[in-house]
């Protein structure tokens, strides 16, 4: 069966891949996993903000009848001023974890390449 150029038999994955190619696939997998983690964190942050906002709107609608809309508005602003730095800290923490993990992967890959190069020069 003829293969399309992008799926040529030599391009299929097997155990005989060069170490640099395996490392590239590892990095690609980790990049995808990291982007999913960051996307999950961003989605959770947006969901928390959305829930707080809808809670505020519900309280605001109820407060119009009670004539305490100013108090509800000030409570919302106060809670947002407290919560916003926490959200930013969570997102920075997720970014920091991702970068730390990436640095660890690159360090391990570089150490593996050095070991392979040393093994080839000794033989």
C-alpha atoms as a PDB file:
ATOM      1  CA  UNK A   1       0.000   0.000   0.000  1.00  0.00           C
ATOM      2  CA  UNK A   2       1.475   3.364  -0.955  1.00  0.00           C
ATOM      3  CA  UNK A   3       1.749   5.834   1.915  1.00  0.00           C
ATOM      4  CA  UNK A   4       1.130   9.567   1.606  1.00  0.00           C
ATOM      5  CA  UNK A   5       4.394  11.515   1.968  1.00  0.00           C
ATOM      6  CA  UNK A   6       3.587  12.556   5.542  1.00  0.00           C
ATOM      7  CA  UNK A   7       2.854   8.939   6.539  1.00  0.00           C
ATOM      8  CA  UNK A   8       5.701   7.259   4.728  1.00  0.00           C
ATOM      9  CA  UNK A   9       6.758   4.006   6.351  1.00  0.00           C
ATOM     10  CA  UNK A  10      10.020   5.550   7.554  1.00  0.00           C
ATOM     11  CA  UNK A  11       8.066   8.237   9.414  1.00  0.00           C
ATOM     12  CA  UNK A  12       6.039   5.773  11.469  1.00  0.00           C
ATOM     13  CA  UNK A  13       6.874   5.537  15.147  1.00  0.00           C
ATOM     14  CA  UNK A  14       9.004   2.628  16.244  1.00  0.00           C
ATOM     15  CA  UNK A  15      11.559   1.794  18.889  1.00  0.00           C
ATOM     16  CA  UNK A  16      14.495   2.565  16.566  1.00  0.00           C
ATOM     17  CA  UNK A  17      14.003   6.318  16.633  1.00  0.00           C
ATOM     18  CA  UNK A  18      17.029   8.475  17.205  1.00  0.00           C
ATOM     19  CA  UNK A  19      17.315   9.740  20.794  1.00  0.00           C
ATOM     20  CA  UNK A  20      16.826  13.337  19.717  1.00  0.00           C
ATOM     21  CA  UNK A  21      13.561  12.398  17.973  1.00  0.00           C
ATOM     22  CA  UNK A  22      12.329  10.526  21.049  1.00  0.00           C
ATOM     23  CA  UNK A  23      13.238  13.568  23.121  1.00  0.00           C
ATOM     24  CA  UNK A  24      11.311  15.769  20.708  1.00  0.00           C
ATOM     25  CA  UNK A  25       8.250  13.554  21.055  1.00  0.00           C
ATOM     26  CA  UNK A  26       8.602  13.677  24.825  1.00  0.00           C
ATOM     27  CA  UNK A  27       8.765  17.477  24.735  1.00  0.00           C
ATOM     28  CA  UNK A  28       5.749  17.613  22.433  1.00  0.00           C
ATOM     29  CA  UNK A  29       3.752  15.422  24.829  1.00  0.00           C
ATOM     30  CA  UNK A  30       4.783  17.535  27.794  1.00  0.00           C
ATOM     31  CA  UNK A  31       3.947  20.767  25.978  1.00  0.00           C
ATOM     32  CA  UNK A  32       0.464  19.444  25.210  1.00  0.00           C
ATOM     33  CA  UNK A  33      -0.020  18.325  28.816  1.00  0.00           C
ATOM     34  CA  UNK A  34       1.220  21.676  30.134  1.00  0.00           C
ATOM     35  CA  UNK A  35      -1.065  23.627  27.821  1.00  0.00           C
ATOM     36  CA  UNK A  36      -3.991  21.499  29.009  1.00  0.00           C
ATOM     37  CA  UNK A  37      -3.081  22.226  32.640  1.00  0.00           C
ATOM     38  CA  UNK A  38      -2.857  25.959  31.967  1.00  0.00           C
ATOM     39  CA  UNK A  39      -6.131  25.872  30.021  1.00  0.00           C
ATOM     40  CA  UNK A  40      -7.770  24.054  32.920  1.00  0.00           C
ATOM     41  CA  UNK A  41      -6.470  26.643  35.379  1.00  0.00           C
ATOM     42  CA  UNK A  42      -7.673  29.510  33.183  1.00  0.00           C
ATOM     43  CA  UNK A  43     -11.084  27.897  32.753  1.00  0.00           C
ATOM     44  CA  UNK A  44     -11.418  27.342  36.508  1.00  0.00           C
ATOM     45  CA  UNK A  45     -10.442  30.961  37.131  1.00  0.00           C
ATOM     46  CA  UNK A  46     -13.004  32.205  34.623  1.00  0.00           C
ATOM     47  CA  UNK A  47     -15.661  29.967  36.172  1.00  0.00           C
ATOM     48  CA  UNK A  48     -14.937  31.302  39.669  1.00  0.00           C
ATOM     49  CA  UNK A  49     -15.085  34.891  38.438  1.00  0.00           C
ATOM     50  CA  UNK A  50     -18.302  34.186  36.545  1.00  0.00           C
ATOM     51  CA  UNK A  51     -19.952  32.636  39.597  1.00  0.00           C
ATOM     52  CA  UNK A  52     -18.973  35.621  41.749  1.00  0.00           C
ATOM     53  CA  UNK A  53     -20.318  37.999  39.110  1.00  0.00           C
ATOM     54  CA  UNK A  54     -23.649  36.182  38.764  1.00  0.00           C
ATOM     55  CA  UNK A  55     -23.973  36.051  42.544  1.00  0.00           C
ATOM     56  CA  UNK A  56     -23.384  39.803  42.586  1.00  0.00           C
ATOM     57  CA  UNK A  57     -26.035  40.365  39.921  1.00  0.00           C
ATOM     58  CA  UNK A  58     -28.568  38.257  41.831  1.00  0.00           C
ATOM     59  CA  UNK A  59     -27.839  40.158  45.042  1.00  0.00           C
ATOM     60  CA  UNK A  60     -28.041  43.462  43.175  1.00  0.00           C
ATOM     61  CA  UNK A  61     -31.465  42.644  41.757  1.00  0.00           C
ATOM     62  CA  UNK A  62     -32.729  41.683  45.220  1.00  0.00           C
ATOM     63  CA  UNK A  63     -31.160  44.772  46.775  1.00  0.00           C
ATOM     64  CA  UNK A  64     -33.097  47.151  44.546  1.00  0.00           C
ATOM     65  CA  UNK A  65     -36.284  46.180  46.373  1.00  0.00           C
ATOM     66  CA  UNK A  66     -34.565  46.663  49.744  1.00  0.00           C
ATOM     67  CA  UNK A  67     -32.840  49.930  48.749  1.00  0.00           C
ATOM     68  CA  UNK A  68     -29.362  48.693  49.677  1.00  0.00           C
ATOM     69  CA  UNK A  69     -27.810  48.525  46.211  1.00  0.00           C
ATOM     70  CA  UNK A  70     -24.882  50.705  47.269  1.00  0.00           C
ATOM     71  CA  UNK A  71     -23.977  48.263  50.030  1.00  0.00           C
ATOM     72  CA  UNK A  72     -24.159  45.287  47.646  1.00  0.00           C
ATOM     73  CA  UNK A  73     -22.027  47.126  45.102  1.00  0.00           C
ATOM     74  CA  UNK A  74     -19.421  48.065  47.700  1.00  0.00           C
ATOM     75  CA  UNK A  75     -19.350  44.454  48.974  1.00  0.00           C
ATOM     76  CA  UNK A  76     -18.762  43.218  45.426  1.00  0.00           C
ATOM     77  CA  UNK A  77     -15.950  45.692  44.781  1.00  0.00           C
ATOM     78  CA  UNK A  78     -14.351  44.831  48.114  1.00  0.00           C
ATOM     79  CA  UNK A  79     -14.524  41.089  47.473  1.00  0.00           C
ATOM     80  CA  UNK A  80     -13.126  41.530  43.957  1.00  0.00           C
ATOM     81  CA  UNK A  81     -10.240  43.594  45.291  1.00  0.00           C
ATOM     82  CA  UNK A  82      -9.469  40.749  47.696  1.00  0.00           C
ATOM     83  CA  UNK A  83     -10.000  37.915  45.222  1.00  0.00           C
ATOM     84  CA  UNK A  84      -8.238  39.332  42.142  1.00  0.00           C
ATOM     85  CA  UNK A  85      -4.701  39.063  43.598  1.00  0.00           C
ATOM     86  CA  UNK A  86      -5.456  35.467  44.643  1.00  0.00           C
ATOM     87  CA  UNK A  87      -6.536  34.586  41.098  1.00  0.00           C
ATOM     88  CA  UNK A  88      -3.421  36.182  39.643  1.00  0.00           C
ATOM     89  CA  UNK A  89      -1.280  34.304  42.172  1.00  0.00           C
ATOM     90  CA  UNK A  90      -2.930  30.994  41.197  1.00  0.00           C
ATOM     91  CA  UNK A  91      -2.262  31.627  37.516  1.00  0.00           C
ATOM     92  CA  UNK A  92       1.335  32.682  38.194  1.00  0.00           C
ATOM     93  CA  UNK A  93       1.814  29.534  40.257  1.00  0.00           C
ATOM     94  CA  UNK A  94       0.522  27.402  37.386  1.00  0.00           C
ATOM     95  CA  UNK A  95       2.875  29.166  34.966  1.00  0.00           C
ATOM     96  CA  UNK A  96       5.780  28.741  37.348  1.00  0.00           C
ATOM     97  CA  UNK A  97       5.081  25.013  37.747  1.00  0.00           C
ATOM     98  CA  UNK A  98       4.919  24.633  33.975  1.00  0.00           C
ATOM     99  CA  UNK A  99       8.204  26.457  33.399  1.00  0.00           C
ATOM    100  CA  UNK A 100       9.911  24.552  36.209  1.00  0.00           C
ATOM    101  CA  UNK A 101       8.770  21.253  34.750  1.00  0.00           C
ATOM    102  CA  UNK A 102       9.947  22.294  31.277  1.00  0.00           C
ATOM    103  CA  UNK A 103      13.357  23.273  32.652  1.00  0.00           C
ATOM    104  CA  UNK A 104      13.622  19.893  34.350  1.00  0.00           C
ATOM    105  CA  UNK A 105      12.793  18.103  31.084  1.00  0.00           C
ATOM    106  CA  UNK A 106      15.382  20.074  29.142  1.00  0.00           C
ATOM    107  CA  UNK A 107      17.986  19.472  31.838  1.00  0.00           C
ATOM    108  CA  UNK A 108      17.287  15.705  31.772  1.00  0.00           C
ATOM    109  CA  UNK A 109      17.386  15.612  27.968  1.00  0.00           C
ATOM    110  CA  UNK A 110      20.669  17.515  27.900  1.00  0.00           C
ATOM    111  CA  UNK A 111      22.166  15.180  30.504  1.00  0.00           C
ATOM    112  CA  UNK A 112      21.062  12.185  28.413  1.00  0.00           C
ATOM    113  CA  UNK A 113      22.648  13.663  25.298  1.00  0.00           C
ATOM    114  CA  UNK A 114      25.885  14.288  27.201  1.00  0.00           C
ATOM    115  CA  UNK A 115      25.925  10.698  28.508  1.00  0.00           C
ATOM    116  CA  UNK A 116      25.366   9.357  24.983  1.00  0.00           C
ATOM    117  CA  UNK A 117      28.113  11.561  23.565  1.00  0.00           C
ATOM    118  CA  UNK A 118      30.521  10.449  26.315  1.00  0.00           C
ATOM    119  CA  UNK A 119      29.648   6.792  25.704  1.00  0.00           C
ATOM    120  CA  UNK A 120      30.350   7.174  21.986  1.00  0.00           C
ATOM    121  CA  UNK A 121      33.688   8.897  22.549  1.00  0.00           C
ATOM    122  CA  UNK A 122      34.865   6.282  25.065  1.00  0.00           C
ATOM    123  CA  UNK A 123      34.183   3.373  22.730  1.00  0.00           C
END
